[in-house]
C-alpha atoms as a PDB file:
ATOM      1  CA  MET A   1       0.017   0.013  -0.014  1.00  0.00           C
ATOM      2  CA  THR A   2       1.075   3.601  -0.555  1.00  0.00           C
ATOM      3  CA  ASN A   3       1.349   6.025   2.347  1.00  0.00           C
ATOM      4  CA  LYS A   4      -1.947   7.632   1.329  1.00  0.00           C
ATOM      5  CA  GLU A   5      -3.672   4.227   1.211  1.00  0.00           C
ATOM      6  CA  LEU A   6      -2.361   3.375   4.683  1.00  0.00           C
ATOM      7  CA  GLU A   7      -3.537   6.736   6.012  1.00  0.00           C
ATOM      8  CA  LYS A   8      -6.963   6.024   4.520  1.00  0.00           C
ATOM      9  CA  LEU A   9      -7.005   2.585   6.114  1.00  0.00           C
ATOM     10  CA  ALA A  10      -6.115   4.116   9.487  1.00  0.00           C
ATOM     11  CA  LEU A  11      -8.959   6.625   9.128  1.00  0.00           C
ATOM     12  CA  ALA A  12     -11.411   3.881   8.233  1.00  0.00           C
ATOM     13  CA  ILE A  13     -10.293   1.841  11.271  1.00  0.00           C
ATOM     14  CA  ARG A  14     -10.741   4.847  13.620  1.00  0.00           C
ATOM     15  CA  LYS A  15     -14.218   5.461  12.254  1.00  0.00           C
ATOM     16  CA  ARG A  16     -15.121   1.811  12.711  1.00  0.00           C
ATOM     17  CA  VAL A  17     -13.777   1.817  16.266  1.00  0.00           C
ATOM     18  CA  LEU A  18     -16.077   4.752  17.087  1.00  0.00           C
ATOM     19  CA  ARG A  19     -19.040   3.184  15.294  1.00  0.00           C
ATOM     20  CA  MET A  20     -18.713  -0.144  17.071  1.00  0.00           C
ATOM     21  CA  ALA A  21     -18.187   1.583  20.425  1.00  0.00           C
ATOM     22  CA  TYR A  22     -21.315   3.649  19.990  1.00  0.00           C
ATOM     23  CA  GLU A  23     -23.541   0.888  18.611  1.00  0.00           C
ATOM     24  CA  CYS A  24     -22.697  -1.569  21.363  1.00  0.00           C
ATOM     25  CA  ASN A  25     -24.051   0.964  23.885  1.00  0.00           C
ATOM     26  CA  ASP A  26     -21.611  -0.075  26.582  1.00  0.00           C
ATOM     27  CA  ASN A  27     -18.322   1.035  28.220  1.00  0.00           C
ATOM     28  CA  VAL A  28     -15.397   0.192  25.973  1.00  0.00           C
ATOM     29  CA  HIS A  29     -11.573   0.588  26.094  1.00  0.00           C
ATOM     30  CA  MET A  30     -11.419   3.522  23.740  1.00  0.00           C
ATOM     31  CA  GLY A  31      -8.270   5.543  24.394  1.00  0.00           C
ATOM     32  CA  GLY A  32      -5.797   2.653  24.168  1.00  0.00           C
ATOM     33  CA  ALA A  33      -7.512   1.300  21.064  1.00  0.00           C
ATOM     34  CA  LEU A  34      -7.176   4.622  19.218  1.00  0.00           C
ATOM     35  CA  SER A  35      -3.518   5.033  20.136  1.00  0.00           C
ATOM     36  CA  MET A  36      -2.378   1.964  18.186  1.00  0.00           C
ATOM     37  CA  VAL A  37      -4.540   2.278  15.031  1.00  0.00           C
ATOM     38  CA  ASP A  38      -1.722   3.569  12.783  1.00  0.00           C
ATOM     39  CA  ILE A  39       0.516   0.681  13.866  1.00  0.00           C
ATOM     40  CA  LEU A  40      -2.196  -1.856  13.072  1.00  0.00           C
ATOM     41  CA  ALA A  41      -2.844  -0.213   9.694  1.00  0.00           C
ATOM     42  CA  VAL A  42       0.805  -0.654   8.672  1.00  0.00           C
ATOM     43  CA  LEU A  43       1.070  -4.155  10.112  1.00  0.00           C
ATOM     44  CA  TYR A  44      -2.054  -5.418   8.360  1.00  0.00           C
ATOM     45  CA  GLY A  45      -1.864  -3.221   5.292  1.00  0.00           C
ATOM     46  CA  GLU A  46       1.731  -3.916   4.391  1.00  0.00           C
ATOM     47  CA  VAL A  47       3.841  -6.034   6.733  1.00  0.00           C
ATOM     48  CA  LEU A  48       2.125  -9.280   7.763  1.00  0.00           C
ATOM     49  CA  ARG A  49       2.584 -12.021   5.211  1.00  0.00           C
ATOM     50  CA  GLY A  50       0.208 -14.802   4.448  1.00  0.00           C
ATOM     51  CA  ILE A  51      -2.918 -13.497   6.207  1.00  0.00           C
ATOM     52  CA  GLY A  52      -5.501 -16.278   5.952  1.00  0.00           C
ATOM     53  CA  LYS A  53      -3.029 -18.963   5.004  1.00  0.00           C
ATOM     54  CA  PRO A  54      -2.255 -22.113   7.063  1.00  0.00           C
ATOM     55  CA  TYR A  55      -0.430 -21.709  10.356  1.00  0.00           C
ATOM     56  CA  GLU A  56       3.075 -22.589   9.035  1.00  0.00           C
ATOM     57  CA  GLU A  57       2.743 -20.125   6.159  1.00  0.00           C
ATOM     58  CA  ARG A  58       1.618 -16.929   7.868  1.00  0.00           C
ATOM     59  CA  ASP A  59       3.235 -14.341  10.084  1.00  0.00           C
ATOM     60  CA  LYS A  60       1.749 -14.079  13.553  1.00  0.00           C
ATOM     61  CA  PHE A  61       0.423 -11.067  15.359  1.00  0.00           C
ATOM     62  CA  ILE A  62      -0.598 -11.109  19.026  1.00  0.00           C
ATOM     63  CA  LEU A  63      -2.234  -8.163  20.732  1.00  0.00           C
ATOM     64  CA  SER A  64      -0.739  -8.534  24.225  1.00  0.00           C
ATOM     65  CA  LYS A  65      -2.444  -5.333  25.457  1.00  0.00           C
ATOM     66  CA  GLY A  66      -5.680  -7.220  24.980  1.00  0.00           C
ATOM     67  CA  HIS A  67      -7.965  -4.511  26.268  1.00  0.00           C
ATOM     68  CA  GLY A  68      -7.302  -2.713  22.955  1.00  0.00           C
ATOM     69  CA  ALA A  69      -9.080  -5.487  21.087  1.00  0.00           C
ATOM     70  CA  LEU A  70     -11.690  -3.160  19.634  1.00  0.00           C
ATOM     71  CA  ALA A  71      -8.966  -1.697  17.304  1.00  0.00           C
ATOM     72  CA  LEU A  72      -7.990  -5.211  16.212  1.00  0.00           C
ATOM     73  CA  PHE A  73     -11.580  -6.208  15.435  1.00  0.00           C
ATOM     74  CA  ALA A  74     -12.061  -2.909  13.496  1.00  0.00           C
ATOM     75  CA  THR A  75      -8.915  -3.629  11.525  1.00  0.00           C
ATOM     76  CA  LEU A  76     -10.062  -7.161  10.671  1.00  0.00           C
ATOM     77  CA  GLY A  77     -13.402  -5.668   9.628  1.00  0.00           C
ATOM     78  CA  GLU A  78     -11.752  -3.167   7.244  1.00  0.00           C
ATOM     79  CA  LEU A  79      -9.783  -5.999   5.658  1.00  0.00           C
ATOM     80  CA  GLY A  80     -12.948  -8.041   5.117  1.00  0.00           C
ATOM     81  CA  ILE A  81     -11.712 -10.800   7.431  1.00  0.00           C
ATOM     82  CA  LEU A  82     -14.532 -10.190   9.873  1.00  0.00           C
ATOM     83  CA  SER A  83     -18.002  -9.813   8.380  1.00  0.00           C
ATOM     84  CA  GLU A  84     -20.356  -6.958   9.192  1.00  0.00           C
ATOM     85  CA  GLU A  85     -22.641  -9.521  10.802  1.00  0.00           C
ATOM     86  CA  ARG A  86     -19.882 -10.674  13.155  1.00  0.00           C
ATOM     87  CA  LEU A  87     -18.793  -7.128  13.947  1.00  0.00           C
ATOM     88  CA  SER A  88     -22.326  -6.242  14.938  1.00  0.00           C
ATOM     89  CA  THR A  89     -22.067  -8.748  17.812  1.00  0.00           C
ATOM     90  CA  TYR A  90     -19.325  -6.829  19.578  1.00  0.00           C
ATOM     91  CA  LEU A  91     -19.877  -7.112  23.352  1.00  0.00           C
ATOM     92  CA  ALA A  92     -23.161  -8.978  22.857  1.00  0.00           C
ATOM     93  CA  ASP A  93     -23.903 -11.953  25.136  1.00  0.00           C
ATOM     94  CA  GLY A  94     -22.248 -15.119  23.793  1.00  0.00           C
ATOM     95  CA  SER A  95     -20.048 -13.274  21.263  1.00  0.00           C
ATOM     96  CA  ASN A  96     -16.354 -13.990  20.877  1.00  0.00           C
ATOM     97  CA  LEU A  97     -15.883 -10.330  20.046  1.00  0.00           C
ATOM     98  CA  CYS A  98     -15.613  -9.184  23.618  1.00  0.00           C
ATOM     99  CA  ALA A  99     -13.393  -6.853  25.656  1.00  0.00           C
ATOM    100  CA  HIS A 100     -10.262  -8.977  25.063  1.00  0.00           C
ATOM    101  CA  PRO A 101      -9.199 -11.248  22.220  1.00  0.00           C
ATOM    102  CA  VAL A 102     -10.627 -14.820  22.091  1.00  0.00           C
ATOM    103  CA  MET A 103      -8.418 -17.220  20.187  1.00  0.00           C
ATOM    104  CA  GLU A 104      -9.761 -17.820  16.683  1.00  0.00           C
ATOM    105  CA  PRO A 105      -6.767 -18.687  14.440  1.00  0.00           C
ATOM    106  CA  GLU A 106      -8.760 -18.863  11.216  1.00  0.00           C
ATOM    107  CA  ILE A 107      -9.260 -15.089  11.397  1.00  0.00           C
ATOM    108  CA  GLY A 108      -5.779 -14.408  12.707  1.00  0.00           C
ATOM    109  CA  ILE A 109      -6.507 -14.070  16.430  1.00  0.00           C
ATOM    110  CA  GLU A 110      -3.687 -16.324  17.561  1.00  0.00           C
ATOM    111  CA  SER A 111      -4.234 -16.275  21.323  1.00  0.00           C
ATOM    112  CA  SER A 112      -6.795 -15.531  23.999  1.00  0.00           C
ATOM    113  CA  ASN A 113      -5.590 -13.160  26.642  1.00  0.00           C
ATOM    114  CA  GLY A 114      -6.918 -11.055  29.485  1.00  0.00           C
ATOM    115  CA  SER A 115      -4.296 -10.899  32.141  1.00  0.00           C
ATOM    116  CA  LEU A 116      -1.525  -8.560  30.941  1.00  0.00           C
ATOM    117  CA  GLY A 117       1.718 -10.251  29.980  1.00  0.00           C
ATOM    118  CA  GLN A 118       0.146 -13.379  28.593  1.00  0.00           C
ATOM    119  CA  GLY A 119       0.216 -12.282  24.994  1.00  0.00           C
ATOM    120  CA  ILE A 120       3.888 -11.429  24.788  1.00  0.00           C
ATOM    121  CA  SER A 121       4.747 -14.684  26.527  1.00  0.00           C
ATOM    122  CA  MET A 122       2.821 -16.671  23.957  1.00  0.00           C
ATOM    123  CA  ALA A 123       4.393 -14.644  21.127  1.00  0.00           C
ATOM    124  CA  VAL A 124       7.884 -15.504  22.388  1.00  0.00           C
ATOM    125  CA  GLY A 125       6.922 -19.155  22.494  1.00  0.00           C
ATOM    126  CA  MET A 126       5.648 -19.060  18.944  1.00  0.00           C
ATOM    127  CA  ALA A 127       8.880 -17.410  17.758  1.00  0.00           C
ATOM    128  CA  LEU A 128      10.972 -19.987  19.572  1.00  0.00           C
ATOM    129  CA  SER A 129       8.979 -22.792  18.063  1.00  0.00           C
ATOM    130  CA  ALA A 130       9.454 -21.334  14.574  1.00  0.00           C
ATOM    131  CA  LYS A 131      13.228 -21.148  15.094  1.00  0.00           C
ATOM    132  CA  ARG A 132      13.489 -24.740  16.299  1.00  0.00           C
ATOM    133  CA  LYS A 133      11.245 -26.079  13.600  1.00  0.00           C
ATOM    134  CA  LYS A 134      12.975 -23.914  10.943  1.00  0.00           C
ATOM    135  CA  ARG A 135       9.792 -22.164   9.895  1.00  0.00           C
ATOM    136  CA  ASP A 136       9.938 -18.848   8.104  1.00  0.00           C
ATOM    137  CA  TYR A 137       7.205 -16.832   9.811  1.00  0.00           C
ATOM    138  CA  GLN A 138       7.761 -13.658  11.845  1.00  0.00           C
ATOM    139  CA  VAL A 139       6.023 -12.942  15.155  1.00  0.00           C
ATOM    140  CA  TYR A 140       4.870  -9.450  16.183  1.00  0.00           C
ATOM    141  CA  THR A 141       3.244  -8.352  19.367  1.00  0.00           C
ATOM    142  CA  ILE A 142       2.009  -5.024  20.792  1.00  0.00           C
ATOM    143  CA  ILE A 143       2.394  -4.330  24.502  1.00  0.00           C
ATOM    144  CA  GLY A 144       1.150  -1.339  26.520  1.00  0.00           C
ATOM    145  CA  ASN A 145       2.383   1.061  29.182  1.00  0.00           C
ATOM    146  CA  GLY A 146       0.637  -0.456  32.161  1.00  0.00           C
ATOM    147  CA  GLU A 147       1.357  -3.931  30.896  1.00  0.00           C
ATOM    148  CA  SER A 148       5.095  -3.080  30.946  1.00  0.00           C
ATOM    149  CA  ASN A 149       4.961  -2.941  34.674  1.00  0.00           C
ATOM    150  CA  GLU A 150       4.417  -6.667  34.734  1.00  0.00           C
ATOM    151  CA  GLY A 151       7.400  -8.866  35.612  1.00  0.00           C
ATOM    152  CA  MET A 152       6.134 -11.453  33.146  1.00  0.00           C
ATOM    153  CA  VAL A 153       6.716  -9.011  30.322  1.00  0.00           C
ATOM    154  CA  TRP A 154      10.375  -8.564  31.151  1.00  0.00           C
ATOM    155  CA  GLU A 155      10.852 -12.284  31.646  1.00  0.00           C
ATOM    156  CA  ALA A 156       9.449 -12.803  28.135  1.00  0.00           C
ATOM    157  CA  LEU A 157      11.697 -10.047  26.743  1.00  0.00           C
ATOM    158  CA  ALA A 158      14.717 -11.616  28.394  1.00  0.00           C
ATOM    159  CA  SER A 159      13.827 -15.026  27.011  1.00  0.00           C
ATOM    160  CA  ALA A 160      13.572 -13.733  23.411  1.00  0.00           C
ATOM    161  CA  ALA A 161      17.089 -12.268  23.692  1.00  0.00           C
ATOM    162  CA  GLN A 162      18.418 -15.403  25.401  1.00  0.00           C
ATOM    163  CA  PHE A 163      17.112 -17.586  22.621  1.00  0.00           C
ATOM    164  CA  LYS A 164      18.335 -15.223  19.887  1.00  0.00           C
ATOM    165  CA  LEU A 165      14.869 -14.777  18.388  1.00  0.00           C
ATOM    166  CA  ASP A 166      15.578 -12.669  15.291  1.00  0.00           C
ATOM    167  CA  ASN A 167      12.072 -13.580  14.096  1.00  0.00           C
ATOM    168  CA  PHE A 168      10.421 -11.674  16.963  1.00  0.00           C
ATOM    169  CA  THR A 169       9.357  -7.982  17.124  1.00  0.00           C
ATOM    170  CA  VAL A 170       7.794  -6.340  20.140  1.00  0.00           C
ATOM    171  CA  ILE A 171       6.083  -2.964  19.739  1.00  0.00           C
ATOM    172  CA  LEU A 172       5.432  -0.801  22.773  1.00  0.00           C
ATOM    173  CA  ASP A 173       2.389   1.404  22.361  1.00  0.00           C
ATOM    174  CA  HIS A 174       3.920   4.131  24.529  1.00  0.00           C
ATOM    175  CA  ASN A 175       0.884   6.361  25.073  1.00  0.00           C
ATOM    176  CA  LYS A 176       2.116   7.259  28.610  1.00  0.00           C
ATOM    177  CA  PHE A 177      -1.120   6.319  30.356  1.00  0.00           C
ATOM    178  CA  GLN A 178      -2.572   3.244  31.992  1.00  0.00           C
ATOM    179  CA  ASN A 179      -5.754   2.352  33.828  1.00  0.00           C
ATOM    180  CA  ASP A 180      -4.729   4.123  37.056  1.00  0.00           C
ATOM    181  CA  GLY A 181      -3.470   7.320  35.437  1.00  0.00           C
ATOM    182  CA  ALA A 182      -0.266   8.754  33.962  1.00  0.00           C
ATOM    183  CA  SER A 183       2.367   6.062  33.798  1.00  0.00           C
ATOM    184  CA  GLU A 184       5.033   8.356  35.276  1.00  0.00           C
ATOM    185  CA  LYS A 185       2.930   8.585  38.455  1.00  0.00           C
ATOM    186  CA  VAL A 186       2.345   4.817  38.666  1.00  0.00           C
ATOM    187  CA  MET A 187       5.604   3.147  37.703  1.00  0.00           C
ATOM    188  CA  CYS A 188       7.712   4.974  35.138  1.00  0.00           C
ATOM    189  CA  TYR A 189      10.722   3.528  33.395  1.00  0.00           C
ATOM    190  CA  PRO A 190      13.158   6.385  32.773  1.00  0.00           C
ATOM    191  CA  ASP A 191      13.941   5.328  29.196  1.00  0.00           C
ATOM    192  CA  TYR A 192      12.317   2.289  27.520  1.00  0.00           C
ATOM    193  CA  LYS A 193      14.796   2.377  24.668  1.00  0.00           C
ATOM    194  CA  GLU A 194      17.766   2.107  27.028  1.00  0.00           C
ATOM    195  CA  CYS A 195      16.007  -0.635  29.041  1.00  0.00           C
ATOM    196  CA  LEU A 196      15.312  -2.707  25.906  1.00  0.00           C
ATOM    197  CA  GLN A 197      18.811  -2.205  24.570  1.00  0.00           C
ATOM    198  CA  ALA A 198      20.213  -3.454  27.870  1.00  0.00           C
ATOM    199  CA  PHE A 199      18.082  -6.590  27.433  1.00  0.00           C
ATOM    200  CA  GLY A 200      19.794  -7.238  24.124  1.00  0.00           C
ATOM    201  CA  TYR A 201      17.365  -5.748  21.544  1.00  0.00           C
ATOM    202  CA  HIS A 202      17.834  -3.674  18.495  1.00  0.00           C
ATOM    203  CA  VAL A 203      15.558  -0.741  19.295  1.00  0.00           C
ATOM    204  CA  ASP A 204      13.901   1.891  17.082  1.00  0.00           C
ATOM    205  CA  GLU A 205      12.077   4.762  18.755  1.00  0.00           C
ATOM    206  CA  ILE A 206       9.469   6.402  16.503  1.00  0.00           C
ATOM    207  CA  ASP A 207       6.386   8.577  16.314  1.00  0.00           C
ATOM    208  CA  GLY A 208       3.671   5.948  16.461  1.00  0.00           C
ATOM    209  CA  HIS A 209       1.323   8.041  14.377  1.00  0.00           C
ATOM    210  CA  ASN A 210       3.781   8.689  11.537  1.00  0.00           C
ATOM    211  CA  ILE A 211       3.118   6.169   8.830  1.00  0.00           C
ATOM    212  CA  PRO A 212       6.519   6.343   7.080  1.00  0.00           C
ATOM    213  CA  GLN A 213       8.359   5.953  10.438  1.00  0.00           C
ATOM    214  CA  ILE A 214       6.206   2.938  11.357  1.00  0.00           C
ATOM    215  CA  GLN A 215       6.856   1.397   7.922  1.00  0.00           C
ATOM    216  CA  GLU A 216      10.598   1.887   8.143  1.00  0.00           C
ATOM    217  CA  ALA A 217      10.819   0.443  11.679  1.00  0.00           C
ATOM    218  CA  LEU A 218       8.757  -2.607  10.823  1.00  0.00           C
ATOM    219  CA  LYS A 219      10.431  -3.292   7.487  1.00  0.00           C
ATOM    220  CA  ASN A 220      14.038  -2.983   8.639  1.00  0.00           C
ATOM    221  CA  ALA A 221      15.623  -6.449   8.617  1.00  0.00           C
ATOM    222  CA  HIS A 222      16.524  -8.091  11.885  1.00  0.00           C
ATOM    223  CA  ALA A 223      20.208  -8.331  12.765  1.00  0.00           C
ATOM    224  CA  ASP A 224      21.218 -11.984  13.040  1.00  0.00           C
ATOM    225  CA  ASN A 225      20.201 -13.509  16.392  1.00  0.00           C
ATOM    226  CA  ILE A 226      18.913 -10.222  17.765  1.00  0.00           C
ATOM    227  CA  PRO A 227      15.185  -9.568  18.507  1.00  0.00           C
ATOM    228  CA  LYS A 228      13.690  -6.210  17.537  1.00  0.00           C
ATOM    229  CA  ALA A 229      11.797  -3.705  19.689  1.00  0.00           C
ATOM    230  CA  ILE A 230       9.980  -0.568  18.577  1.00  0.00           C
ATOM    231  CA  VAL A 231       9.148   2.140  21.078  1.00  0.00           C
ATOM    232  CA  ALA A 232       6.224   3.860  19.423  1.00  0.00           C
ATOM    233  CA  ASN A 233       5.430   7.198  21.102  1.00  0.00           C
ATOM    234  CA  THR A 234       1.673   7.622  20.767  1.00  0.00           C
ATOM    235  CA  ILE A 235      -1.185   9.672  22.119  1.00  0.00           C
ATOM    236  CA  LYS A 236      -3.993   8.016  23.971  1.00  0.00           C
ATOM    237  CA  GLY A 237      -7.252   8.703  22.240  1.00  0.00           C
ATOM    238  CA  TYR A 238      -5.429   9.928  19.175  1.00  0.00           C
ATOM    239  CA  GLY A 239      -7.467  11.635  16.423  1.00  0.00           C
ATOM    240  CA  ILE A 240     -10.299  12.849  18.697  1.00  0.00           C
ATOM    241  CA  SER A 241      -9.605  16.201  20.336  1.00  0.00           C
ATOM    242  CA  PHE A 242     -11.615  15.678  23.471  1.00  0.00           C
ATOM    243  CA  MET A 243     -10.178  12.142  24.023  1.00  0.00           C
ATOM    244  CA  GLU A 244      -6.482  12.865  23.467  1.00  0.00           C
ATOM    245  CA  ASN A 245      -4.486  12.451  26.688  1.00  0.00           C
ATOM    246  CA  ASP A 246      -7.729  12.320  28.675  1.00  0.00           C
ATOM    247  CA  ASN A 247      -7.428   9.065  30.680  1.00  0.00           C
ATOM    248  CA  SER A 248     -11.150   9.110  31.505  1.00  0.00           C
ATOM    249  CA  TRP A 249     -11.530   7.605  28.018  1.00  0.00           C
ATOM    250  CA  HIS A 250      -9.550   4.523  29.065  1.00  0.00           C
ATOM    251  CA  HIS A 251     -12.881   2.727  29.571  1.00  0.00           C
ATOM    252  CA  ARG A 252     -16.015   4.729  28.927  1.00  0.00           C
ATOM    253  CA  ARG A 253     -19.326   4.874  27.031  1.00  0.00           C
ATOM    254  CA  LEU A 254     -19.850   7.060  23.974  1.00  0.00           C
ATOM    255  CA  THR A 255     -22.981   9.258  24.072  1.00  0.00           C
ATOM    256  CA  GLN A 256     -24.688  10.342  20.860  1.00  0.00           C
ATOM    257  CA  ASN A 257     -23.137  13.799  21.192  1.00  0.00           C
ATOM    258  CA  ASN A 258     -19.649  12.340  21.779  1.00  0.00           C
ATOM    259  CA  TYR A 259     -20.047  10.082  18.778  1.00  0.00           C
ATOM    260  CA  GLU A 260     -21.285  12.817  16.439  1.00  0.00           C
ATOM    261  CA  GLN A 261     -18.551  15.232  17.456  1.00  0.00           C
ATOM    262  CA  ALA A 262     -15.828  12.582  17.084  1.00  0.00           C
ATOM    263  CA  MET A 263     -16.998  11.485  13.636  1.00  0.00           C
ATOM    264  CA  LYS A 264     -17.231  15.159  12.561  1.00  0.00           C
ATOM    265  CA  GLU A 265     -13.637  15.705  13.608  1.00  0.00           C
ATOM    266  CA  LEU A 266     -12.397  12.718  11.650  1.00  0.00           C
ATOM    267  CA  ASP A 267     -14.371  13.796   8.597  1.00  0.00           C
ATOM    268  CA  GLU A 268     -12.871  17.251   8.854  1.00  0.00           C
ATOM    269  CA  GLN A 269      -9.310  15.959   9.229  1.00  0.00           C
ATOM    270  CA  GLY A 270      -9.777  13.876   6.143  1.00  0.00           C
ATOM    271  CA  TYR A 271      -6.655  11.771   6.526  1.00  0.00           C
ATOM    272  CA  GLY A 272      -5.398  10.666   3.194  1.00  0.00           C
ATOM    273  CA  ASP A 273      -7.752  12.845   1.144  1.00  0.00           C
END
């Protein structure tokens, strides 16, 4: 895809996130979903190979910050992998499209996760399995700010370096907030890039809303035997003025006025037009 096509995809995903959040008439994890949309647009629009192919032939993506699942569902909807009928069941009783991913490999949801840290741990296991079985697929995972306080996350990161997983890429959606507030007031790491380099990673730090920067970071080849990390500096609630950096939108319900204002703003911004 061209840059303009990826920008249009990101806009379509944001609009679908809002539409699904409004139509389900429930509290949803909004801010953290919107912060990673541009990353998902590049991953699914350009990077992931073999979407829809058998397990051994496709790259793997795991959303470790599982509470952002609405953005993943919206992305799968824009790609035509999830039908409109399925998408309309979001948060309905009995639906697999709930607040966190439910494993459904045939549509590319490779793991169920709820407790933070589970997704990255499974992603490292998949990458290790691929190395040992000499399979060609790459494994990508997105983690979040609050999730990065988990010891399990750092154990998984250390394991990927120990096992020389140059088929593994971890992306930190660094929107600087978590459920309990600003990350710097909860448990702040002074410099994620330095921390990850100390763990043995090649690290790129980028603007997580800049499509060309995301493309370059994801498409750069791995150094031999070294896993890759991307620190993506993002804005929670990105694209909607009254949501940006307002942590009350971590988990909240959209009113009709909220929805109409948000959609108007996206229409006026006209990304990619």
